[in-house]
Amino acid sequence: MKTGRLGHRIYKNLQKRINVPKIIYTFTAILRILSMKQAFWKLHISVLLAGCTGLFGKVINLNEGLLVWYRLILTVLLTVIILTVGKKMRKVSFRDFLYLAGTGAILAFHWLFFFGSIKASNVSIGVVCFSTVGFFTAILEPVVYRCRISRKEIILSMLAVVGVLLIFSFDMRYRLGIMLGIVSSILAALFTIVNKRVSANRQTGTVLLYEMTGGFLFVSLILPFYLFFSPVQTILPSMQDGFYLFLFAFFCTIGVYILQIQSLKKISAFTFNLTYNLEPVYSILLAMLLLGETKELNTAFYMGLSLIIISVVMQMLAYMEFKKEKP
């Protein structure tokens, strides 16, 4: 009896000293931090893979319409195989399919303008224009979510816009490519914002499949008109282009897209696009090393690129300061 009472007293004493709710809260906070770190790792890997996108767009000898069409059909087929083998194929309602397919159509439209920009200029110009996505996100996200516009986000991202305008003003060769690239950035910002909403609480593979299907259907509808105004000798890719298309679809589409969706579930659209401002840096370095684009770039380009890099650094520092101040 005494032993039992002693044990009961020890238990009660420990219960008073140990704050169980606090331990649970601390453990949960640690899990959240680890989850956020994992999301940022996935985001940065996706940025690195996305940095190769412009290179594939340049080396594949197809026009932007056919390039996007083949990219989408290969992505759909590979995703179906992956989901079927993994037994993760999920059906969605017709209404959800329309939402996902519509979002995929926005993405496909962005790709058409992005690769059109690269074909009309070069990889460096195309991806530099992409760095204005943060600016357009800062404007469009409050409109979509009906919240207040952040002046700080607009001011910081304006440097990237000034950088692009500097290149546009002094380099007459790439004006068409720059204009296409700006439209591409607007569409990319819109896609990221809309995709964050439609992909919430949905399995990543399911979102990928139906959005890519929607994009494929959209491009298939407009491709005949596109080829009528921009005729080509053949619509079939060569063996080399076919190999590049497979790598492009598997790593730079499926891999990147899955990592993007998973990271967007933990971080904001602005942070997502802010981090993606590093994509031009990766792409330009790769283009210089592998495609020898250094010869095609002038002083105006490097001045504009410097402003864009300053914009990226300042936005990152501002975001980090905000996270420290936030309780």
C-alpha atoms as a PDB file:
ATOM      1  CA  MET A   1       0.000   0.000   0.000  1.00  0.00           C
ATOM      2  CA  LYS A   2       2.812   2.398   0.976  1.00  0.00           C
ATOM      3  CA  THR A   3       4.637   1.647  -2.262  1.00  0.00           C
ATOM      4  CA  GLY A   4       1.449   2.392  -4.242  1.00  0.00           C
ATOM      5  CA  ARG A   5       0.900   5.687  -2.421  1.00  0.00           C
ATOM      6  CA  LEU A   6       4.541   6.659  -2.939  1.00  0.00           C
ATOM      7  CA  GLY A   7       4.286   5.942  -6.661  1.00  0.00           C
ATOM      8  CA  HIS A   8       1.080   7.960  -6.865  1.00  0.00           C
ATOM      9  CA  ARG A   9       2.733  10.907  -5.106  1.00  0.00           C
ATOM     10  CA  ILE A  10       5.749  10.779  -7.456  1.00  0.00           C
ATOM     11  CA  TYR A  11       3.377  10.695 -10.454  1.00  0.00           C
ATOM     12  CA  LYS A  12       1.403  13.680  -9.146  1.00  0.00           C
ATOM     13  CA  ASN A  13       4.613  15.581  -8.416  1.00  0.00           C
ATOM     14  CA  LEU A  14       5.969  14.974 -11.905  1.00  0.00           C
ATOM     15  CA  GLN A  15       2.620  15.959 -13.432  1.00  0.00           C
ATOM     16  CA  LYS A  16       2.776  19.312 -11.622  1.00  0.00           C
ATOM     17  CA  ARG A  17       6.366  19.992 -12.669  1.00  0.00           C
ATOM     18  CA  ILE A  18       6.081  18.906 -16.296  1.00  0.00           C
ATOM     19  CA  ASN A  19       4.042  21.242 -18.492  1.00  0.00           C
ATOM     20  CA  VAL A  20       2.542  18.744 -20.948  1.00  0.00           C
ATOM     21  CA  PRO A  21       0.746  21.335 -23.166  1.00  0.00           C
ATOM     22  CA  LYS A  22       3.991  23.303 -23.460  1.00  0.00           C
ATOM     23  CA  ILE A  23       5.904  20.185 -24.514  1.00  0.00           C
ATOM     24  CA  ILE A  24       3.279  19.389 -27.148  1.00  0.00           C
ATOM     25  CA  TYR A  25       3.352  22.989 -28.417  1.00  0.00           C
ATOM     26  CA  THR A  26       7.175  22.961 -28.617  1.00  0.00           C
ATOM     27  CA  PHE A  27       7.204  19.635 -30.448  1.00  0.00           C
ATOM     28  CA  THR A  28       4.581  20.901 -32.906  1.00  0.00           C
ATOM     29  CA  ALA A  29       6.609  24.084 -33.497  1.00  0.00           C
ATOM     30  CA  ILE A  30       9.723  22.000 -34.258  1.00  0.00           C
ATOM     31  CA  LEU A  31       7.765  19.925 -36.768  1.00  0.00           C
ATOM     32  CA  ARG A  32       6.499  23.110 -38.437  1.00  0.00           C
ATOM     33  CA  ILE A  33      10.038  24.495 -38.734  1.00  0.00           C
ATOM     34  CA  LEU A  34      11.276  21.234 -40.269  1.00  0.00           C
ATOM     35  CA  SER A  35       8.305  21.226 -42.639  1.00  0.00           C
ATOM     36  CA  MET A  36       9.058  24.819 -43.727  1.00  0.00           C
ATOM     37  CA  LYS A  37      12.740  24.004 -44.279  1.00  0.00           C
ATOM     38  CA  GLN A  38      11.764  21.017 -46.407  1.00  0.00           C
ATOM     39  CA  ALA A  39       9.421  23.248 -48.430  1.00  0.00           C
ATOM     40  CA  PHE A  40      12.225  25.763 -49.068  1.00  0.00           C
ATOM     41  CA  TRP A  41      14.620  22.984 -50.130  1.00  0.00           C
ATOM     42  CA  LYS A  42      12.049  21.680 -52.600  1.00  0.00           C
ATOM     43  CA  LEU A  43      11.484  25.195 -53.885  1.00  0.00           C
ATOM     44  CA  HIS A  44      15.192  25.827 -54.508  1.00  0.00           C
ATOM     45  CA  ILE A  45      15.666  22.467 -56.258  1.00  0.00           C
ATOM     46  CA  SER A  46      12.717  23.309 -58.494  1.00  0.00           C
ATOM     47  CA  VAL A  47      14.328  26.706 -59.273  1.00  0.00           C
ATOM     48  CA  LEU A  48      17.568  24.976 -60.283  1.00  0.00           C
ATOM     49  CA  LEU A  49      15.714  22.547 -62.563  1.00  0.00           C
ATOM     50  CA  ALA A  50      13.588  25.369 -63.952  1.00  0.00           C
ATOM     51  CA  GLY A  51      16.821  27.202 -64.779  1.00  0.00           C
ATOM     52  CA  CYS A  52      17.416  24.539 -67.429  1.00  0.00           C
ATOM     53  CA  THR A  53      14.052  25.269 -69.092  1.00  0.00           C
ATOM     54  CA  GLY A  54      15.377  28.116 -71.231  1.00  0.00           C
ATOM     55  CA  LEU A  55      18.274  25.959 -72.438  1.00  0.00           C
ATOM     56  CA  PHE A  56      15.927  23.237 -73.651  1.00  0.00           C
ATOM     57  CA  GLY A  57      13.785  25.901 -75.330  1.00  0.00           C
ATOM     58  CA  LYS A  58      16.805  27.069 -77.293  1.00  0.00           C
ATOM     59  CA  VAL A  59      18.395  23.730 -78.257  1.00  0.00           C
ATOM     60  CA  ILE A  60      15.155  21.976 -79.313  1.00  0.00           C
ATOM     61  CA  ASN A  61      14.623  22.754 -83.003  1.00  0.00           C
ATOM     62  CA  LEU A  62      10.854  23.233 -82.902  1.00  0.00           C
ATOM     63  CA  ASN A  63       8.872  26.461 -82.845  1.00  0.00           C
ATOM     64  CA  GLU A  64       7.298  27.493 -79.535  1.00  0.00           C
ATOM     65  CA  GLY A  65       3.846  26.133 -80.453  1.00  0.00           C
ATOM     66  CA  LEU A  66       5.051  22.610 -81.237  1.00  0.00           C
ATOM     67  CA  LEU A  67       7.539  22.684 -78.371  1.00  0.00           C
ATOM     68  CA  VAL A  68       4.816  23.429 -75.820  1.00  0.00           C
ATOM     69  CA  TRP A  69       2.422  20.909 -77.412  1.00  0.00           C
ATOM     70  CA  TYR A  70       4.964  18.058 -77.257  1.00  0.00           C
ATOM     71  CA  ARG A  71       5.982  19.069 -73.755  1.00  0.00           C
ATOM     72  CA  LEU A  72       2.377  18.861 -72.576  1.00  0.00           C
ATOM     73  CA  ILE A  73       1.487  15.546 -74.245  1.00  0.00           C
ATOM     74  CA  LEU A  74       4.659  13.873 -72.928  1.00  0.00           C
ATOM     75  CA  THR A  75       3.994  15.261 -69.453  1.00  0.00           C
ATOM     76  CA  VAL A  76       0.405  13.957 -69.483  1.00  0.00           C
ATOM     77  CA  LEU A  77       1.498  10.477 -70.643  1.00  0.00           C
ATOM     78  CA  LEU A  78       4.346  10.237 -68.121  1.00  0.00           C
ATOM     79  CA  THR A  79       2.105  11.471 -65.288  1.00  0.00           C
ATOM     80  CA  VAL A  80      -0.576   8.885 -66.146  1.00  0.00           C
ATOM     81  CA  ILE A  81       2.067   6.127 -66.053  1.00  0.00           C
ATOM     82  CA  ILE A  82       3.506   7.333 -62.727  1.00  0.00           C
ATOM     83  CA  LEU A  83       0.077   7.663 -61.079  1.00  0.00           C
ATOM     84  CA  THR A  84      -1.139   4.312 -62.437  1.00  0.00           C
ATOM     85  CA  VAL A  85       1.958   2.422 -61.267  1.00  0.00           C
ATOM     86  CA  GLY A  86       1.794   4.124 -57.876  1.00  0.00           C
ATOM     87  CA  LYS A  87      -1.990   3.492 -57.679  1.00  0.00           C
ATOM     88  CA  LYS A  88      -2.585   7.196 -57.014  1.00  0.00           C
ATOM     89  CA  MET A  89      -4.894   7.968 -59.913  1.00  0.00           C
ATOM     90  CA  ARG A  90      -7.811  10.053 -58.612  1.00  0.00           C
ATOM     91  CA  LYS A  91     -11.007  11.213 -60.291  1.00  0.00           C
ATOM     92  CA  VAL A  92     -12.318  14.744 -59.811  1.00  0.00           C
ATOM     93  CA  SER A  93     -15.715  16.301 -60.384  1.00  0.00           C
ATOM     94  CA  PHE A  94     -16.409  18.052 -63.683  1.00  0.00           C
ATOM     95  CA  ARG A  95     -16.408  21.419 -61.904  1.00  0.00           C
ATOM     96  CA  ASP A  96     -12.994  20.750 -60.337  1.00  0.00           C
ATOM     97  CA  PHE A  97     -11.684  19.559 -63.698  1.00  0.00           C
ATOM     98  CA  LEU A  98     -12.718  22.872 -65.271  1.00  0.00           C
ATOM     99  CA  TYR A  99     -10.898  24.815 -62.550  1.00  0.00           C
ATOM    100  CA  LEU A 100      -7.739  22.716 -62.917  1.00  0.00           C
ATOM    101  CA  ALA A 101      -7.883  22.638 -66.716  1.00  0.00           C
ATOM    102  CA  GLY A 102      -8.383  26.413 -66.858  1.00  0.00           C
ATOM    103  CA  THR A 103      -5.340  26.913 -64.635  1.00  0.00           C
ATOM    104  CA  GLY A 104      -3.365  24.602 -66.920  1.00  0.00           C
ATOM    105  CA  ALA A 105      -4.441  26.689 -69.919  1.00  0.00           C
ATOM    106  CA  ILE A 106      -2.961  29.794 -68.242  1.00  0.00           C
ATOM    107  CA  LEU A 107       0.311  27.890 -67.737  1.00  0.00           C
ATOM    108  CA  ALA A 108       0.350  26.743 -71.376  1.00  0.00           C
ATOM    109  CA  PHE A 109      -0.263  30.325 -72.511  1.00  0.00           C
ATOM    110  CA  HIS A 110       2.668  31.458 -70.337  1.00  0.00           C
ATOM    111  CA  TRP A 111       4.911  28.802 -71.899  1.00  0.00           C
ATOM    112  CA  LEU A 112       3.987  29.911 -75.432  1.00  0.00           C
ATOM    113  CA  PHE A 113       5.063  33.487 -74.723  1.00  0.00           C
ATOM    114  CA  PHE A 114       8.119  32.419 -72.712  1.00  0.00           C
ATOM    115  CA  PHE A 115       9.549  30.189 -75.441  1.00  0.00           C
ATOM    116  CA  GLY A 116       8.471  32.714 -78.060  1.00  0.00           C
ATOM    117  CA  SER A 117      10.605  35.259 -76.197  1.00  0.00           C
ATOM    118  CA  ILE A 118      13.614  32.930 -76.205  1.00  0.00           C
ATOM    119  CA  LYS A 119      13.201  32.039 -79.891  1.00  0.00           C
ATOM    120  CA  ALA A 120      12.905  35.758 -80.780  1.00  0.00           C
ATOM    121  CA  SER A 121      16.011  36.700 -78.753  1.00  0.00           C
ATOM    122  CA  ASN A 122      18.047  34.348 -76.579  1.00  0.00           C
ATOM    123  CA  VAL A 123      17.885  32.487 -73.265  1.00  0.00           C
ATOM    124  CA  SER A 124      19.341  35.364 -71.238  1.00  0.00           C
ATOM    125  CA  ILE A 125      16.777  37.917 -72.468  1.00  0.00           C
ATOM    126  CA  GLY A 126      13.859  35.508 -71.979  1.00  0.00           C
ATOM    127  CA  VAL A 127      14.729  34.644 -68.391  1.00  0.00           C
ATOM    128  CA  VAL A 128      15.653  38.216 -67.427  1.00  0.00           C
ATOM    129  CA  CYS A 129      12.117  39.263 -68.369  1.00  0.00           C
ATOM    130  CA  PHE A 130      10.838  36.446 -66.154  1.00  0.00           C
ATOM    131  CA  SER A 131      12.346  38.223 -63.140  1.00  0.00           C
ATOM    132  CA  THR A 132       9.509  40.788 -63.314  1.00  0.00           C
ATOM    133  CA  VAL A 133       7.094  38.099 -62.072  1.00  0.00           C
ATOM    134  CA  GLY A 134       7.505  39.382 -58.495  1.00  0.00           C
ATOM    135  CA  PHE A 135       6.298  42.838 -59.542  1.00  0.00           C
ATOM    136  CA  PHE A 136       3.198  41.518 -61.310  1.00  0.00           C
ATOM    137  CA  THR A 137       2.477  39.155 -58.401  1.00  0.00           C
ATOM    138  CA  ALA A 138       2.565  42.080 -55.964  1.00  0.00           C
ATOM    139  CA  ILE A 139      -0.124  43.766 -58.092  1.00  0.00           C
ATOM    140  CA  LEU A 140      -2.292  40.775 -59.061  1.00  0.00           C
ATOM    141  CA  GLU A 141      -2.320  38.802 -55.788  1.00  0.00           C
ATOM    142  CA  PRO A 142      -4.210  41.504 -53.817  1.00  0.00           C
ATOM    143  CA  VAL A 143      -6.722  41.736 -56.680  1.00  0.00           C
ATOM    144  CA  VAL A 144      -7.386  37.986 -56.688  1.00  0.00           C
ATOM    145  CA  TYR A 145      -7.439  37.559 -52.896  1.00  0.00           C
ATOM    146  CA  ARG A 146      -9.025  40.985 -52.215  1.00  0.00           C
ATOM    147  CA  CYS A 147      -6.379  42.189 -49.809  1.00  0.00           C
ATOM    148  CA  ARG A 148      -4.291  45.356 -49.502  1.00  0.00           C
ATOM    149  CA  ILE A 149      -1.457  46.009 -51.937  1.00  0.00           C
ATOM    150  CA  SER A 150       1.971  45.945 -50.303  1.00  0.00           C
ATOM    151  CA  ARG A 151       3.850  49.103 -51.259  1.00  0.00           C
ATOM    152  CA  LYS A 152       7.117  47.551 -50.087  1.00  0.00           C
ATOM    153  CA  GLU A 153       6.716  44.572 -52.427  1.00  0.00           C
ATOM    154  CA  ILE A 154       5.971  46.854 -55.391  1.00  0.00           C
ATOM    155  CA  ILE A 155       8.846  49.247 -54.668  1.00  0.00           C
ATOM    156  CA  LEU A 156      11.387  46.448 -54.228  1.00  0.00           C
ATOM    157  CA  SER A 157      10.280  44.535 -57.305  1.00  0.00           C
ATOM    158  CA  MET A 158      10.212  47.753 -59.385  1.00  0.00           C
ATOM    159  CA  LEU A 159      14.013  47.570 -59.630  1.00  0.00           C
ATOM    160  CA  ALA A 160      13.657  44.408 -61.719  1.00  0.00           C
ATOM    161  CA  VAL A 161      11.219  46.204 -64.030  1.00  0.00           C
ATOM    162  CA  VAL A 162      13.640  49.148 -64.396  1.00  0.00           C
ATOM    163  CA  GLY A 163      16.397  46.660 -65.244  1.00  0.00           C
ATOM    164  CA  VAL A 164      14.334  45.148 -68.046  1.00  0.00           C
ATOM    165  CA  LEU A 165      13.345  48.614 -69.327  1.00  0.00           C
ATOM    166  CA  LEU A 166      17.032  49.571 -69.386  1.00  0.00           C
ATOM    167  CA  ILE A 167      17.824  46.604 -71.625  1.00  0.00           C
ATOM    168  CA  PHE A 168      14.756  47.365 -73.764  1.00  0.00           C
ATOM    169  CA  SER A 169      15.794  51.020 -74.263  1.00  0.00           C
ATOM    170  CA  PHE A 170      19.414  50.449 -75.251  1.00  0.00           C
ATOM    171  CA  ASP A 171      19.304  47.128 -77.093  1.00  0.00           C
ATOM    172  CA  MET A 172      17.163  47.359 -80.239  1.00  0.00           C
ATOM    173  CA  ARG A 173      17.820  43.749 -81.295  1.00  0.00           C
ATOM    174  CA  TYR A 174      15.681  42.065 -78.665  1.00  0.00           C
ATOM    175  CA  ARG A 175      12.635  44.309 -78.291  1.00  0.00           C
ATOM    176  CA  LEU A 176      10.193  41.691 -79.612  1.00  0.00           C
ATOM    177  CA  GLY A 177      11.696  39.079 -77.307  1.00  0.00           C
ATOM    178  CA  ILE A 178      11.408  41.445 -74.332  1.00  0.00           C
ATOM    179  CA  MET A 179       7.752  42.287 -75.068  1.00  0.00           C
ATOM    180  CA  LEU A 180       6.881  38.585 -75.331  1.00  0.00           C
ATOM    181  CA  GLY A 181       8.826  37.952 -72.123  1.00  0.00           C
ATOM    182  CA  ILE A 182       6.880  40.624 -70.211  1.00  0.00           C
ATOM    183  CA  VAL A 183       3.537  39.092 -71.274  1.00  0.00           C
ATOM    184  CA  SER A 184       4.940  35.714 -70.225  1.00  0.00           C
ATOM    185  CA  SER A 185       5.761  37.101 -66.760  1.00  0.00           C
ATOM    186  CA  ILE A 186       2.243  38.490 -66.288  1.00  0.00           C
ATOM    187  CA  LEU A 187       0.780  35.083 -67.150  1.00  0.00           C
ATOM    188  CA  ALA A 188       3.291  33.313 -64.861  1.00  0.00           C
ATOM    189  CA  ALA A 189       2.294  35.561 -61.936  1.00  0.00           C
ATOM    190  CA  LEU A 190      -1.396  34.914 -62.603  1.00  0.00           C
ATOM    191  CA  PHE A 191      -0.816  31.159 -62.813  1.00  0.00           C
ATOM    192  CA  THR A 192       1.066  31.024 -59.495  1.00  0.00           C
ATOM    193  CA  ILE A 193      -1.666  32.961 -57.687  1.00  0.00           C
ATOM    194  CA  VAL A 194      -4.543  30.925 -59.150  1.00  0.00           C
ATOM    195  CA  ASN A 195      -2.680  27.632 -58.768  1.00  0.00           C
ATOM    196  CA  LYS A 196      -2.135  28.237 -55.052  1.00  0.00           C
ATOM    197  CA  ARG A 197      -5.909  28.334 -54.597  1.00  0.00           C
ATOM    198  CA  VAL A 198      -6.958  25.455 -56.892  1.00  0.00           C
ATOM    199  CA  SER A 199      -4.223  23.076 -55.703  1.00  0.00           C
ATOM    200  CA  ALA A 200      -5.017  23.508 -51.999  1.00  0.00           C
ATOM    201  CA  ASN A 201      -6.060  20.245 -50.277  1.00  0.00           C
ATOM    202  CA  ARG A 202      -5.569  18.265 -53.480  1.00  0.00           C
ATOM    203  CA  GLN A 203      -3.083  15.520 -54.208  1.00  0.00           C
ATOM    204  CA  THR A 204      -0.079  16.856 -56.148  1.00  0.00           C
ATOM    205  CA  GLY A 205      -0.182  14.226 -58.902  1.00  0.00           C
ATOM    206  CA  THR A 206      -3.898  14.806 -59.487  1.00  0.00           C
ATOM    207  CA  VAL A 207      -3.395  18.559 -59.853  1.00  0.00           C
ATOM    208  CA  LEU A 208      -0.480  18.008 -62.243  1.00  0.00           C
ATOM    209  CA  LEU A 209      -2.402  15.559 -64.429  1.00  0.00           C
ATOM    210  CA  TYR A 210      -5.553  17.634 -64.890  1.00  0.00           C
ATOM    211  CA  GLU A 211      -3.757  20.946 -65.289  1.00  0.00           C
ATOM    212  CA  MET A 212      -1.435  19.507 -67.915  1.00  0.00           C
ATOM    213  CA  THR A 213      -4.435  17.918 -69.635  1.00  0.00           C
ATOM    214  CA  GLY A 214      -6.164  21.294 -69.684  1.00  0.00           C
ATOM    215  CA  GLY A 215      -3.060  22.921 -71.116  1.00  0.00           C
ATOM    216  CA  PHE A 216      -2.749  20.201 -73.756  1.00  0.00           C
ATOM    217  CA  LEU A 217      -6.391  20.611 -74.835  1.00  0.00           C
ATOM    218  CA  PHE A 218      -5.976  24.398 -75.021  1.00  0.00           C
ATOM    219  CA  VAL A 219      -2.813  24.247 -77.151  1.00  0.00           C
ATOM    220  CA  SER A 220      -4.336  21.508 -79.360  1.00  0.00           C
ATOM    221  CA  LEU A 221      -7.247  23.854 -80.143  1.00  0.00           C
ATOM    222  CA  ILE A 222      -5.091  26.807 -81.140  1.00  0.00           C
ATOM    223  CA  LEU A 223      -2.164  24.904 -82.721  1.00  0.00           C
ATOM    224  CA  PRO A 224      -3.747  24.538 -86.226  1.00  0.00           C
ATOM    225  CA  PHE A 225      -4.263  28.326 -86.379  1.00  0.00           C
ATOM    226  CA  TYR A 226      -0.789  28.872 -84.967  1.00  0.00           C
ATOM    227  CA  LEU A 227       0.816  26.683 -87.650  1.00  0.00           C
ATOM    228  CA  PHE A 228      -1.297  28.342 -90.352  1.00  0.00           C
ATOM    229  CA  PHE A 229       0.245  31.725 -89.561  1.00  0.00           C
ATOM    230  CA  SER A 230       3.668  30.265 -88.682  1.00  0.00           C
ATOM    231  CA  PRO A 231       4.134  27.322 -91.088  1.00  0.00           C
ATOM    232  CA  VAL A 232       6.937  24.787 -90.551  1.00  0.00           C
ATOM    233  CA  GLN A 233       8.526  22.157 -92.789  1.00  0.00           C
ATOM    234  CA  THR A 234       7.748  19.293 -90.416  1.00  0.00           C
ATOM    235  CA  ILE A 235       5.839  18.887 -87.174  1.00  0.00           C
ATOM    236  CA  LEU A 236       7.790  15.773 -86.145  1.00  0.00           C
ATOM    237  CA  PRO A 237      10.846  16.153 -83.894  1.00  0.00           C
ATOM    238  CA  SER A 238      14.193  14.587 -84.786  1.00  0.00           C
ATOM    239  CA  MET A 239      15.662  11.785 -82.673  1.00  0.00           C
ATOM    240  CA  GLN A 240      17.816  14.303 -80.797  1.00  0.00           C
ATOM    241  CA  ASP A 241      14.894  16.646 -80.210  1.00  0.00           C
ATOM    242  CA  GLY A 242      12.769  13.704 -79.064  1.00  0.00           C
ATOM    243  CA  PHE A 243      15.381  12.794 -76.459  1.00  0.00           C
ATOM    244  CA  TYR A 244      15.599  16.399 -75.272  1.00  0.00           C
ATOM    245  CA  LEU A 245      11.803  16.593 -75.091  1.00  0.00           C
ATOM    246  CA  PHE A 246      11.676  13.512 -72.862  1.00  0.00           C
ATOM    247  CA  LEU A 247      14.261  14.949 -70.450  1.00  0.00           C
ATOM    248  CA  PHE A 248      12.487  18.289 -70.608  1.00  0.00           C
ATOM    249  CA  ALA A 249       9.080  16.797 -69.771  1.00  0.00           C
ATOM    250  CA  PHE A 250      10.316  14.462 -67.031  1.00  0.00           C
ATOM    251  CA  PHE A 251      12.721  16.679 -65.094  1.00  0.00           C
ATOM    252  CA  CYS A 252      11.844  20.263 -65.998  1.00  0.00           C
ATOM    253  CA  THR A 253       8.069  19.785 -66.061  1.00  0.00           C
ATOM    254  CA  ILE A 254       6.911  16.891 -63.865  1.00  0.00           C
ATOM    255  CA  GLY A 255       9.772  17.174 -61.368  1.00  0.00           C
ATOM    256  CA  VAL A 256       9.628  20.960 -61.150  1.00  0.00           C
ATOM    257  CA  TYR A 257       5.842  21.083 -61.033  1.00  0.00           C
ATOM    258  CA  ILE A 258       5.507  18.548 -58.206  1.00  0.00           C
ATOM    259  CA  LEU A 259       8.129  20.398 -56.157  1.00  0.00           C
ATOM    260  CA  GLN A 260       6.367  23.714 -56.847  1.00  0.00           C
ATOM    261  CA  ILE A 261       2.944  22.503 -55.716  1.00  0.00           C
ATOM    262  CA  GLN A 262       4.352  20.886 -52.579  1.00  0.00           C
ATOM    263  CA  SER A 263       6.265  24.037 -51.613  1.00  0.00           C
ATOM    264  CA  LEU A 264       3.290  26.344 -52.329  1.00  0.00           C
ATOM    265  CA  LYS A 265       1.293  24.502 -49.669  1.00  0.00           C
ATOM    266  CA  LYS A 266       3.693  25.904 -47.045  1.00  0.00           C
ATOM    267  CA  ILE A 267       4.839  29.288 -48.392  1.00  0.00           C
ATOM    268  CA  SER A 268       3.186  32.372 -49.897  1.00  0.00           C
ATOM    269  CA  ALA A 269       2.884  33.114 -53.617  1.00  0.00           C
ATOM    270  CA  PHE A 270       5.076  36.211 -53.201  1.00  0.00           C
ATOM    271  CA  THR A 271       7.857  34.242 -51.477  1.00  0.00           C
ATOM    272  CA  PHE A 272       7.554  31.599 -54.178  1.00  0.00           C
ATOM    273  CA  ASN A 273       7.971  34.130 -57.001  1.00  0.00           C
ATOM    274  CA  LEU A 274      10.631  35.994 -55.020  1.00  0.00           C
ATOM    275  CA  THR A 275      12.738  32.831 -54.832  1.00  0.00           C
ATOM    276  CA  TYR A 276      12.072  32.181 -58.510  1.00  0.00           C
ATOM    277  CA  ASN A 277      13.834  35.459 -59.281  1.00  0.00           C
ATOM    278  CA  LEU A 278      16.995  33.351 -58.914  1.00  0.00           C
ATOM    279  CA  GLU A 279      15.996  31.348 -62.003  1.00  0.00           C
ATOM    280  CA  PRO A 280      17.385  33.956 -64.445  1.00  0.00           C
ATOM    281  CA  VAL A 281      20.741  33.834 -62.636  1.00  0.00           C
ATOM    282  CA  TYR A 282      20.966  30.046 -63.041  1.00  0.00           C
ATOM    283  CA  SER A 283      19.739  30.174 -66.647  1.00  0.00           C
ATOM    284  CA  ILE A 284      22.091  32.968 -67.687  1.00  0.00           C
ATOM    285  CA  LEU A 285      25.114  31.261 -66.158  1.00  0.00           C
ATOM    286  CA  LEU A 286      24.213  27.985 -67.889  1.00  0.00           C
ATOM    287  CA  ALA A 287      23.551  29.786 -71.198  1.00  0.00           C
ATOM    288  CA  MET A 288      26.926  31.513 -70.995  1.00  0.00           C
ATOM    289  CA  LEU A 289      28.744  28.294 -70.188  1.00  0.00           C
ATOM    290  CA  LEU A 290      26.932  25.909 -72.543  1.00  0.00           C
ATOM    291  CA  LEU A 291      25.619  28.109 -75.378  1.00  0.00           C
ATOM    292  CA  GLY A 292      28.276  30.833 -75.450  1.00  0.00           C
ATOM    293  CA  GLU A 293      25.755  33.678 -75.139  1.00  0.00           C
ATOM    294  CA  THR A 294      28.361  36.026 -73.641  1.00  0.00           C
ATOM    295  CA  LYS A 295      29.157  37.266 -77.159  1.00  0.00           C
ATOM    296  CA  GLU A 296      25.521  38.308 -77.754  1.00  0.00           C
ATOM    297  CA  LEU A 297      25.191  40.471 -74.621  1.00  0.00           C
ATOM    298  CA  ASN A 298      26.190  44.134 -74.294  1.00  0.00           C
ATOM    299  CA  THR A 299      26.748  46.687 -71.512  1.00  0.00           C
ATOM    300  CA  ALA A 300      23.025  47.578 -71.287  1.00  0.00           C
ATOM    301  CA  PHE A 301      22.206  43.949 -70.552  1.00  0.00           C
ATOM    302  CA  TYR A 302      24.716  43.721 -67.703  1.00  0.00           C
ATOM    303  CA  MET A 303      23.521  47.042 -66.243  1.00  0.00           C
ATOM    304  CA  GLY A 304      19.922  45.816 -66.313  1.00  0.00           C
ATOM    305  CA  LEU A 305      20.926  42.442 -64.882  1.00  0.00           C
ATOM    306  CA  SER A 306      22.751  44.218 -62.015  1.00  0.00           C
ATOM    307  CA  LEU A 307      19.564  46.077 -61.084  1.00  0.00           C
ATOM    308  CA  ILE A 308      17.608  42.806 -61.164  1.00  0.00           C
ATOM    309  CA  ILE A 309      20.128  41.078 -58.878  1.00  0.00           C
ATOM    310  CA  ILE A 310      20.016  44.052 -56.461  1.00  0.00           C
ATOM    311  CA  SER A 311      16.209  43.811 -56.503  1.00  0.00           C
ATOM    312  CA  VAL A 312      16.334  40.098 -55.665  1.00  0.00           C
ATOM    313  CA  VAL A 313      18.803  40.610 -52.813  1.00  0.00           C
ATOM    314  CA  MET A 314      16.833  43.532 -51.339  1.00  0.00           C
ATOM    315  CA  GLN A 315      13.550  41.610 -51.513  1.00  0.00           C
ATOM    316  CA  MET A 316      15.104  38.613 -49.776  1.00  0.00           C
ATOM    317  CA  LEU A 317      16.624  40.782 -47.028  1.00  0.00           C
ATOM    318  CA  ALA A 318      13.300  42.579 -46.524  1.00  0.00           C
ATOM    319  CA  TYR A 319      11.454  39.275 -46.276  1.00  0.00           C
ATOM    320  CA  MET A 320      13.962  37.866 -43.783  1.00  0.00           C
ATOM    321  CA  GLU A 321      13.683  41.036 -41.659  1.00  0.00           C
ATOM    322  CA  PHE A 322       9.890  40.784 -41.757  1.00  0.00           C
ATOM    323  CA  LYS A 323      10.001  37.153 -40.554  1.00  0.00           C
ATOM    324  CA  LYS A 324      12.276  38.159 -37.634  1.00  0.00           C
ATOM    325  CA  GLU A 325       9.953  40.974 -36.548  1.00  0.00           C
ATOM    326  CA  LYS A 326       6.794  38.869 -36.890  1.00  0.00           C
ATOM    327  CA  PRO A 327       5.815  37.342 -33.485  1.00  0.00           C
END
